[in-house]
Amino acid sequence: MTDGEHRDEQLRVRREHRDGAVVVEVRGEVDGTSVTLVRDELTAAFREAGSGPVVIDLTGVGFFASIGMALLVEHQRLGEVRGTPLRVVAPARSPLRALRAARLDQVLDLYPDLAAALGAPS
């Protein structure tokens, strides 16, 4: 079931409930002009998730700017306050390299694929 989908010229963001989690799937480029769509869907996901996890899937992201990284850290902290885990799917490509370069792999819960993120213990 898809709860929300938004698009602009360079980005598509979709939010849906799956296996007890709220999944936010991002495809395209995340930068200063497109990050608002991601922020809106993540915020909605945290409102809906309760104590279940929010999973953001960056598998389809080709470019991930520092503003996107800041957004993940912001929502990681929000999740800690609310007791809602944030799980980040970042396969070994551009977003993962950027997150590792910023040392955010030490702050965020990273997973290689959606199945691993959904199957992780809470």
Protein backbone atom coordinates (compact mmCIF):
# COMPACT_ATOMS: atom_id res chain seq x y z
CA MET A 1 0.00 0.00 0.00
CA THR A 2 1.46 3.33 -1.02
CA ASP A 3 0.65 6.12 1.41
CA GLY A 4 2.36 8.95 -0.39
CA GLU A 5 4.33 9.62 -3.52
CA HIS A 6 5.88 12.87 -4.60
CA ARG A 7 7.97 13.78 -7.62
CA ASP A 8 9.89 16.66 -8.97
CA GLU A 9 12.17 16.86 -12.00
CA GLN A 10 15.06 15.01 -10.38
CA LEU A 11 13.55 13.05 -7.51
CA ARG A 12 10.80 10.57 -6.68
CA VAL A 13 9.90 9.81 -3.07
CA ARG A 14 7.38 7.18 -2.06
CA ARG A 15 6.18 6.24 1.44
CA GLU A 16 4.47 2.96 2.28
CA HIS A 17 3.81 0.58 5.17
CA ARG A 18 5.60 -2.75 4.87
CA ASP A 19 6.29 -5.52 7.39
CA GLY A 20 5.59 -3.33 10.44
CA ALA A 21 7.77 -0.48 9.19
CA VAL A 22 7.20 2.73 7.30
CA VAL A 23 9.43 2.65 4.23
CA VAL A 24 10.47 5.82 2.42
CA GLU A 25 11.91 4.96 -0.98
CA VAL A 26 14.00 7.66 -2.63
CA ARG A 27 15.04 7.64 -6.30
CA GLY A 28 17.03 10.30 -8.11
CA GLU A 29 19.20 13.12 -6.79
CA VAL A 30 19.03 14.54 -3.27
CA ASP A 31 20.33 18.09 -3.10
CA GLY A 32 19.28 21.51 -1.85
CA THR A 33 16.47 21.86 -4.35
CA SER A 34 14.95 18.41 -3.83
CA VAL A 35 15.57 17.66 -0.15
CA THR A 36 12.22 19.16 0.91
CA LEU A 37 10.38 16.21 -0.64
CA VAL A 38 12.50 13.77 1.35
CA ARG A 39 12.04 15.79 4.56
CA ASP A 40 8.25 15.87 4.13
CA GLU A 41 8.00 12.10 3.61
CA LEU A 42 10.38 11.27 6.49
CA THR A 43 8.44 13.57 8.81
CA ALA A 44 5.18 11.89 7.79
CA ALA A 45 6.77 8.46 8.24
CA PHE A 46 7.81 9.28 11.81
CA ARG A 47 4.28 10.50 12.60
CA GLU A 48 2.88 7.18 11.37
CA ALA A 49 5.50 4.74 12.64
CA GLY A 50 4.84 4.72 16.38
CA SER A 51 7.48 2.42 17.86
CA GLY A 52 8.07 0.55 14.59
CA PRO A 53 11.06 1.49 12.46
CA VAL A 54 11.27 4.03 9.70
CA VAL A 55 13.36 2.73 6.82
CA ILE A 56 14.74 5.12 4.22
CA ASP A 57 15.82 3.28 1.08
CA LEU A 58 18.52 5.15 -0.85
CA THR A 59 19.12 2.32 -3.35
CA GLY A 60 17.91 4.46 -6.26
CA VAL A 61 19.85 7.58 -5.31
CA GLY A 62 22.63 8.60 -7.67
CA PHE A 63 23.67 11.83 -5.95
CA PHE A 64 23.40 12.50 -2.21
CA ALA A 65 24.43 15.99 -1.07
CA SER A 66 25.45 16.98 2.45
CA ILE A 67 22.00 18.48 3.09
CA GLY A 68 20.60 14.96 2.72
CA MET A 69 23.11 13.69 5.25
CA ALA A 70 22.09 16.43 7.68
CA LEU A 71 18.46 15.39 7.20
CA LEU A 72 19.30 11.78 8.12
CA VAL A 73 21.13 12.87 11.28
CA GLU A 74 18.19 15.11 12.23
CA HIS A 75 15.75 12.22 11.86
CA GLN A 76 18.11 9.78 13.61
CA ARG A 77 17.99 12.09 16.63
CA LEU A 78 14.22 12.46 16.34
CA GLY A 79 13.92 8.68 16.29
CA GLU A 80 16.05 8.35 19.42
CA VAL A 81 13.80 10.81 21.27
CA ARG A 82 10.61 9.09 20.11
CA GLY A 83 11.83 5.50 20.39
CA THR A 84 11.42 5.01 16.64
CA PRO A 85 14.48 3.51 14.98
CA LEU A 86 15.71 4.97 11.69
CA ARG A 87 17.25 2.40 9.36
CA VAL A 88 19.10 3.56 6.25
CA VAL A 89 19.41 1.32 3.20
CA ALA A 90 22.57 2.37 1.39
CA PRO A 91 24.15 -0.22 -0.90
CA ALA A 92 27.79 0.09 -1.89
CA ARG A 93 27.36 3.05 -4.23
CA SER A 94 27.29 6.83 -4.10
CA PRO A 95 25.17 7.40 -0.95
CA LEU A 96 27.15 4.85 1.05
CA ARG A 97 30.47 6.37 -0.02
CA ALA A 98 29.24 9.83 0.97
CA LEU A 99 27.95 8.60 4.35
CA ARG A 100 31.22 6.82 5.08
CA ALA A 101 33.29 9.83 4.02
CA ALA A 102 31.31 11.97 6.48
CA ARG A 103 31.77 9.20 9.11
CA LEU A 104 28.01 8.88 9.45
CA ASP A 105 28.33 5.11 9.22
CA GLN A 106 29.27 5.44 12.91
CA VAL A 107 26.05 7.33 13.71
CA LEU A 108 23.39 5.83 11.44
CA ASP A 109 22.12 2.24 11.26
CA LEU A 110 23.10 1.28 7.68
CA TYR A 111 21.87 -1.78 5.79
CA PRO A 112 22.93 -3.17 2.39
CA ASP A 113 19.36 -3.78 1.18
CA LEU A 114 15.72 -3.35 2.12
CA ALA A 115 15.27 -6.99 3.21
CA ALA A 116 18.07 -6.66 5.75
CA ALA A 117 16.64 -3.40 7.12
CA LEU A 118 13.14 -4.85 7.44
CA GLY A 119 14.42 -8.06 9.04
CA ALA A 120 16.67 -6.39 11.62
CA PRO A 121 15.69 -6.85 15.26
CA SER A 122 14.26 -3.79 16.98
